[in-house]
Amino acid sequence: MMLGILDLITKDYFPKGSSILAIHTGGLQGNKGMSKRLGVILPIS
């Protein structure tokens, strides 16, 4: 996940000065718990 974000940063995907928030939900194992905590259904891709 973090390598993907870093790749996007190096490719200037995000506007200069952007703040980036990465939430690691624990992968597939943590998806159910985070969905419950956030009150939304998180996509699995």
Foldseek 3Di string as FASTA:
>chain_A
DVVVVVVCVVVCVDPPPDDDDDDDQPAPVRQVVVCVVVVHRDDDD
